[in-house]
Amino acid sequence: MITRPRFAKGTFMDTTTAKGHIFTMLDVDGDGVISRQEYLTRPERAAAALGRDAADPLVSAARSAHERVFASMDANGDGRVTFEEYAAWAGGDAFDEVCRRALGALFDLADADGDGTLGRAEFTRLRAALGNSADNAAKAFEALDTDGDGRIDRDEYLASIRGFVTDGASPMAEALHDRAGSPA
């Protein structure tokens, strides 16, 4: 089982621990592996929470992007990703090659007006669909909304996730992990 230690505000987490947080969130049933089924249900969970129909082209794009991510991280092709596989795979290259597109597609599902930003309610619904508490999602929104305009830009959202995976630092992830046991 992956433990999720707390970390002090403004500090870095080692990348193995950061990857452990993400792995634990993706391992929905907690059995120590990310199954193909678990991973590929993310777009459907997000779509349902965000009021998108399964036939929506944005849902199809998210599904396709997630299929590419899973194929990329499942090194031995057995339909199950262990933490060791995930930790070896996850990083800047994987993020840039496949994860950015999949996470961006989820962001797009939440972006109801298609303006490239999320308001607090959209952001909270997206993060709740991905397993975060509403309280932690609100804190994460505040951490990302540095200019106080009430909007989160797609690029800053993706940069924050990339920073967590590659450097163990992210104002959004810090807020999402405010309580031990809260997914990222």
C-alpha atoms as a PDB file:
ATOM      1  CA  MET A   1       0.000   0.000   0.000  1.00  0.00           C
ATOM      2  CA  ILE A   2       1.247   3.475  -0.876  1.00  0.00           C
ATOM      3  CA  THR A   3       1.292   5.851   2.094  1.00  0.00           C
ATOM      4  CA  ARG A   4       0.439   9.476   1.661  1.00  0.00           C
ATOM      5  CA  PRO A   5       2.474  11.552   4.102  1.00  0.00           C
ATOM      6  CA  ARG A   6       1.658  15.176   4.723  1.00  0.00           C
ATOM      7  CA  PHE A   7       4.116  17.775   3.588  1.00  0.00           C
ATOM      8  CA  ALA A   8       4.574  21.294   4.823  1.00  0.00           C
ATOM      9  CA  LYS A   9       3.178  24.197   2.827  1.00  0.00           C
ATOM     10  CA  GLY A  10       5.710  25.532   0.351  1.00  0.00           C
ATOM     11  CA  THR A  11       7.971  22.475   0.470  1.00  0.00           C
ATOM     12  CA  PHE A  12       8.957  19.915  -2.091  1.00  0.00           C
ATOM     13  CA  MET A  13       7.969  16.279  -1.905  1.00  0.00           C
ATOM     14  CA  ASP A  14      10.337  13.706  -3.355  1.00  0.00           C
ATOM     15  CA  THR A  15       9.155  12.545  -6.759  1.00  0.00           C
ATOM     16  CA  THR A  16       8.662   8.933  -5.645  1.00  0.00           C
ATOM     17  CA  THR A  17       6.236  10.089  -2.951  1.00  0.00           C
ATOM     18  CA  ALA A  18       4.510  12.407  -5.426  1.00  0.00           C
ATOM     19  CA  LYS A  19       4.139   9.526  -7.874  1.00  0.00           C
ATOM     20  CA  GLY A  20       2.793   7.417  -5.005  1.00  0.00           C
ATOM     21  CA  HIS A  21       0.036   9.961  -4.399  1.00  0.00           C
ATOM     22  CA  ILE A  22      -0.992   9.864  -8.024  1.00  0.00           C
ATOM     23  CA  PHE A  23      -0.717   6.071  -8.257  1.00  0.00           C
ATOM     24  CA  THR A  24      -2.951   5.672  -5.202  1.00  0.00           C
ATOM     25  CA  MET A  25      -5.573   7.948  -6.749  1.00  0.00           C
ATOM     26  CA  LEU A  26      -5.492   5.980 -10.009  1.00  0.00           C
ATOM     27  CA  ASP A  27      -5.695   2.632  -8.160  1.00  0.00           C
ATOM     28  CA  VAL A  28      -9.380   3.186  -7.443  1.00  0.00           C
ATOM     29  CA  ASP A  29     -10.013  -0.214  -5.830  1.00  0.00           C
ATOM     30  CA  GLY A  30      -6.820  -0.102  -3.755  1.00  0.00           C
ATOM     31  CA  ASP A  31      -5.512  -3.506  -4.883  1.00  0.00           C
ATOM     32  CA  GLY A  32      -1.996  -2.258  -5.633  1.00  0.00           C
ATOM     33  CA  VAL A  33      -2.337  -2.079  -9.410  1.00  0.00           C
ATOM     34  CA  ILE A  34      -4.003   0.270 -11.871  1.00  0.00           C
ATOM     35  CA  SER A  35      -6.136  -1.904 -14.100  1.00  0.00           C
ATOM     36  CA  ARG A  36      -7.005  -0.908 -17.628  1.00  0.00           C
ATOM     37  CA  GLN A  37     -10.660  -0.716 -16.589  1.00  0.00           C
ATOM     38  CA  GLU A  38      -9.930   1.553 -13.610  1.00  0.00           C
ATOM     39  CA  TYR A  39      -7.901   3.939 -15.680  1.00  0.00           C
ATOM     40  CA  LEU A  40     -10.200   4.063 -18.682  1.00  0.00           C
ATOM     41  CA  THR A  41     -13.254   4.902 -16.560  1.00  0.00           C
ATOM     42  CA  ARG A  42     -11.769   8.314 -15.679  1.00  0.00           C
ATOM     43  CA  PRO A  43     -13.252  10.105 -18.718  1.00  0.00           C
ATOM     44  CA  GLU A  44     -16.679   8.558 -18.097  1.00  0.00           C
ATOM     45  CA  ARG A  45     -16.652   9.492 -14.399  1.00  0.00           C
ATOM     46  CA  ALA A  46     -15.640  13.041 -15.287  1.00  0.00           C
ATOM     47  CA  ALA A  47     -18.223  13.277 -18.080  1.00  0.00           C
ATOM     48  CA  ALA A  48     -21.026  12.080 -15.807  1.00  0.00           C
ATOM     49  CA  ALA A  49     -20.032  14.506 -13.030  1.00  0.00           C
ATOM     50  CA  LEU A  50     -19.763  17.361 -15.507  1.00  0.00           C
ATOM     51  CA  GLY A  51     -23.053  16.670 -17.298  1.00  0.00           C
ATOM     52  CA  ARG A  52     -21.512  15.546 -20.587  1.00  0.00           C
ATOM     53  CA  ASP A  53     -23.213  12.918 -22.713  1.00  0.00           C
ATOM     54  CA  ALA A  54     -21.132   9.815 -23.522  1.00  0.00           C
ATOM     55  CA  ALA A  55     -21.511  10.656 -27.238  1.00  0.00           C
ATOM     56  CA  ASP A  56     -20.012  14.149 -26.786  1.00  0.00           C
ATOM     57  CA  PRO A  57     -16.915  14.534 -29.004  1.00  0.00           C
ATOM     58  CA  LEU A  58     -14.984  15.865 -26.001  1.00  0.00           C
ATOM     59  CA  VAL A  59     -15.719  12.632 -24.118  1.00  0.00           C
ATOM     60  CA  SER A  60     -14.515  10.614 -27.118  1.00  0.00           C
ATOM     61  CA  ALA A  61     -11.316  12.684 -27.248  1.00  0.00           C
ATOM     62  CA  ALA A  62     -10.736  12.151 -23.516  1.00  0.00           C
ATOM     63  CA  ARG A  63     -11.335   8.412 -23.899  1.00  0.00           C
ATOM     64  CA  SER A  64      -8.844   8.155 -26.779  1.00  0.00           C
ATOM     65  CA  ALA A  65      -6.218  10.170 -24.916  1.00  0.00           C
ATOM     66  CA  HIS A  66      -6.622   7.951 -21.842  1.00  0.00           C
ATOM     67  CA  GLU A  67      -6.258   4.815 -23.955  1.00  0.00           C
ATOM     68  CA  ARG A  68      -2.923   6.159 -25.229  1.00  0.00           C
ATOM     69  CA  VAL A  69      -1.750   6.932 -21.700  1.00  0.00           C
ATOM     70  CA  PHE A  70      -2.633   3.471 -20.433  1.00  0.00           C
ATOM     71  CA  ALA A  71      -0.898   1.771 -23.357  1.00  0.00           C
ATOM     72  CA  SER A  72       2.167   3.901 -22.679  1.00  0.00           C
ATOM     73  CA  MET A  73       2.373   3.176 -18.950  1.00  0.00           C
ATOM     74  CA  ASP A  74       1.557  -0.569 -19.172  1.00  0.00           C
ATOM     75  CA  ALA A  75       5.155  -1.543 -20.008  1.00  0.00           C
ATOM     76  CA  ASN A  76       4.541  -5.289 -20.200  1.00  0.00           C
ATOM     77  CA  GLY A  77       1.111  -5.049 -21.852  1.00  0.00           C
ATOM     78  CA  ASP A  78      -0.662  -7.202 -19.260  1.00  0.00           C
ATOM     79  CA  GLY A  79      -3.506  -4.716 -18.622  1.00  0.00           C
ATOM     80  CA  ARG A  80      -2.241  -3.962 -15.102  1.00  0.00           C
ATOM     81  CA  VAL A  81       0.210  -1.264 -14.026  1.00  0.00           C
ATOM     82  CA  THR A  82       2.159  -1.839 -10.817  1.00  0.00           C
ATOM     83  CA  PHE A  83       3.639   1.011  -8.825  1.00  0.00           C
ATOM     84  CA  GLU A  84       7.081   0.029 -10.079  1.00  0.00           C
ATOM     85  CA  GLU A  85       5.901   0.281 -13.705  1.00  0.00           C
ATOM     86  CA  TYR A  86       4.177   3.566 -13.001  1.00  0.00           C
ATOM     87  CA  ALA A  87       7.148   5.090 -11.143  1.00  0.00           C
ATOM     88  CA  ALA A  88       9.549   4.117 -13.938  1.00  0.00           C
ATOM     89  CA  TRP A  89       7.201   5.560 -16.569  1.00  0.00           C
ATOM     90  CA  ALA A  90       5.914   8.761 -14.917  1.00  0.00           C
ATOM     91  CA  GLY A  91       7.903  11.932 -15.432  1.00  0.00           C
ATOM     92  CA  GLY A  92       8.389  14.883 -17.725  1.00  0.00           C
ATOM     93  CA  ASP A  93       8.673  12.904 -20.950  1.00  0.00           C
ATOM     94  CA  ALA A  94       5.547  10.811 -20.291  1.00  0.00           C
ATOM     95  CA  PHE A  95       3.666  13.917 -19.235  1.00  0.00           C
ATOM     96  CA  ASP A  96       4.642  15.818 -22.374  1.00  0.00           C
ATOM     97  CA  GLU A  97       4.096  12.880 -24.735  1.00  0.00           C
ATOM     98  CA  VAL A  98       0.737  11.542 -23.542  1.00  0.00           C
ATOM     99  CA  CYS A  99      -0.467  12.803 -20.147  1.00  0.00           C
ATOM    100  CA  ARG A 100      -0.799  16.451 -21.110  1.00  0.00           C
ATOM    101  CA  ARG A 101      -3.326  15.516 -23.781  1.00  0.00           C
ATOM    102  CA  ALA A 102      -5.348  13.242 -21.449  1.00  0.00           C
ATOM    103  CA  LEU A 103      -5.403  15.708 -18.554  1.00  0.00           C
ATOM    104  CA  GLY A 104      -6.134  18.549 -20.940  1.00  0.00           C
ATOM    105  CA  ALA A 105      -9.064  16.562 -22.316  1.00  0.00           C
ATOM    106  CA  LEU A 106     -10.480  16.204 -18.796  1.00  0.00           C
ATOM    107  CA  PHE A 107     -10.018  19.942 -18.274  1.00  0.00           C
ATOM    108  CA  ASP A 108     -11.901  20.545 -21.529  1.00  0.00           C
ATOM    109  CA  LEU A 109     -14.803  18.405 -20.285  1.00  0.00           C
ATOM    110  CA  ALA A 110     -15.109  20.714 -17.284  1.00  0.00           C
ATOM    111  CA  ASP A 111     -14.768  23.913 -19.354  1.00  0.00           C
ATOM    112  CA  ALA A 112     -18.484  24.406 -20.004  1.00  0.00           C
ATOM    113  CA  ASP A 113     -18.119  27.571 -22.069  1.00  0.00           C
ATOM    114  CA  GLY A 114     -14.956  26.481 -23.909  1.00  0.00           C
ATOM    115  CA  ASP A 115     -12.970  29.592 -22.963  1.00  0.00           C
ATOM    116  CA  GLY A 116      -9.850  27.715 -21.799  1.00  0.00           C
ATOM    117  CA  THR A 117     -10.447  28.482 -18.132  1.00  0.00           C
ATOM    118  CA  LEU A 118     -12.344  26.942 -15.238  1.00  0.00           C
ATOM    119  CA  GLY A 119     -14.292  28.788 -12.606  1.00  0.00           C
ATOM    120  CA  ARG A 120     -14.423  27.500  -9.043  1.00  0.00           C
ATOM    121  CA  ALA A 121     -17.540  25.352  -9.580  1.00  0.00           C
ATOM    122  CA  GLU A 122     -16.180  23.751 -12.770  1.00  0.00           C
ATOM    123  CA  PHE A 123     -12.813  23.081 -11.138  1.00  0.00           C
ATOM    124  CA  THR A 124     -14.431  21.588  -8.017  1.00  0.00           C
ATOM    125  CA  ARG A 125     -16.681  19.276 -10.071  1.00  0.00           C
ATOM    126  CA  LEU A 126     -13.685  18.085 -12.108  1.00  0.00           C
ATOM    127  CA  ARG A 127     -11.518  17.418  -9.061  1.00  0.00           C
ATOM    128  CA  ALA A 128     -14.417  15.695  -7.243  1.00  0.00           C
ATOM    129  CA  ALA A 129     -14.916  13.429 -10.269  1.00  0.00           C
ATOM    130  CA  LEU A 130     -11.224  12.554  -9.989  1.00  0.00           C
ATOM    131  CA  GLY A 131     -11.558  11.685  -6.299  1.00  0.00           C
ATOM    132  CA  ASN A 132     -10.741  14.853  -4.362  1.00  0.00           C
ATOM    133  CA  SER A 133     -12.820  16.293  -1.540  1.00  0.00           C
ATOM    134  CA  ALA A 134     -14.665  19.533  -2.218  1.00  0.00           C
ATOM    135  CA  ASP A 135     -12.720  21.240   0.606  1.00  0.00           C
ATOM    136  CA  ASN A 136      -9.359  20.273  -0.870  1.00  0.00           C
ATOM    137  CA  ALA A 137     -10.518  21.212  -4.368  1.00  0.00           C
ATOM    138  CA  ALA A 138     -11.477  24.662  -3.063  1.00  0.00           C
ATOM    139  CA  LYS A 139      -8.026  25.060  -1.486  1.00  0.00           C
ATOM    140  CA  ALA A 140      -6.385  23.896  -4.720  1.00  0.00           C
ATOM    141  CA  PHE A 141      -8.420  26.421  -6.705  1.00  0.00           C
ATOM    142  CA  GLU A 142      -7.282  29.219  -4.404  1.00  0.00           C
ATOM    143  CA  ALA A 143      -3.660  28.066  -4.721  1.00  0.00           C
ATOM    144  CA  LEU A 144      -3.846  28.182  -8.523  1.00  0.00           C
ATOM    145  CA  ASP A 145      -5.873  31.387  -8.817  1.00  0.00           C
ATOM    146  CA  THR A 146      -2.855  33.568  -8.054  1.00  0.00           C
ATOM    147  CA  ASP A 147      -4.295  36.680  -9.693  1.00  0.00           C
ATOM    148  CA  GLY A 148      -7.630  36.328  -7.884  1.00  0.00           C
ATOM    149  CA  ASP A 149      -9.752  36.586 -11.027  1.00  0.00           C
ATOM    150  CA  GLY A 150     -11.826  33.509 -10.168  1.00  0.00           C
ATOM    151  CA  ARG A 151     -10.538  31.531 -13.175  1.00  0.00           C
ATOM    152  CA  ILE A 152      -7.906  28.802 -13.646  1.00  0.00           C
ATOM    153  CA  ASP A 153      -6.148  28.742 -16.994  1.00  0.00           C
ATOM    154  CA  ARG A 154      -5.674  25.369 -18.750  1.00  0.00           C
ATOM    155  CA  ASP A 155      -1.916  25.840 -19.107  1.00  0.00           C
ATOM    156  CA  GLU A 156      -1.369  26.753 -15.459  1.00  0.00           C
ATOM    157  CA  TYR A 157      -3.462  23.744 -14.389  1.00  0.00           C
ATOM    158  CA  LEU A 158      -1.401  21.374 -16.542  1.00  0.00           C
ATOM    159  CA  ALA A 159       1.885  23.000 -15.488  1.00  0.00           C
ATOM    160  CA  SER A 160       0.970  22.465 -11.849  1.00  0.00           C
ATOM    161  CA  ILE A 161       0.341  18.751 -12.396  1.00  0.00           C
ATOM    162  CA  ARG A 162       3.548  18.418 -14.407  1.00  0.00           C
ATOM    163  CA  GLY A 163       5.488  20.159 -11.642  1.00  0.00           C
ATOM    164  CA  PHE A 164       4.191  17.696  -9.078  1.00  0.00           C
ATOM    165  CA  VAL A 165       5.212  14.650 -11.124  1.00  0.00           C
ATOM    166  CA  THR A 166       8.613  15.984 -12.183  1.00  0.00           C
ATOM    167  CA  ASP A 167       9.715  18.075  -9.177  1.00  0.00           C
ATOM    168  CA  GLY A 168       7.411  17.048  -6.314  1.00  0.00           C
ATOM    169  CA  ALA A 169       6.167  20.633  -6.049  1.00  0.00           C
ATOM    170  CA  SER A 170       2.808  22.085  -6.986  1.00  0.00           C
ATOM    171  CA  PRO A 171       0.567  24.585  -5.218  1.00  0.00           C
ATOM    172  CA  MET A 172      -2.457  22.649  -6.462  1.00  0.00           C
ATOM    173  CA  ALA A 173      -1.193  19.238  -5.308  1.00  0.00           C
ATOM    174  CA  GLU A 174      -0.114  20.717  -1.984  1.00  0.00           C
ATOM    175  CA  ALA A 175      -3.706  21.794  -1.365  1.00  0.00           C
ATOM    176  CA  LEU A 176      -5.165  18.543  -2.670  1.00  0.00           C
ATOM    177  CA  HIS A 177      -2.926  16.619  -0.244  1.00  0.00           C
ATOM    178  CA  ASP A 178      -3.710  18.863   2.716  1.00  0.00           C
ATOM    179  CA  ARG A 179      -5.241  15.915   4.571  1.00  0.00           C
ATOM    180  CA  ALA A 180      -3.427  12.591   4.760  1.00  0.00           C
ATOM    181  CA  GLY A 181      -5.235  10.177   2.483  1.00  0.00           C
ATOM    182  CA  SER A 182      -6.607  12.726   0.045  1.00  0.00           C
ATOM    183  CA  PRO A 183      -6.010  11.863  -3.627  1.00  0.00           C
ATOM    184  CA  ALA A 184      -4.250  14.139  -6.107  1.00  0.00           C
END
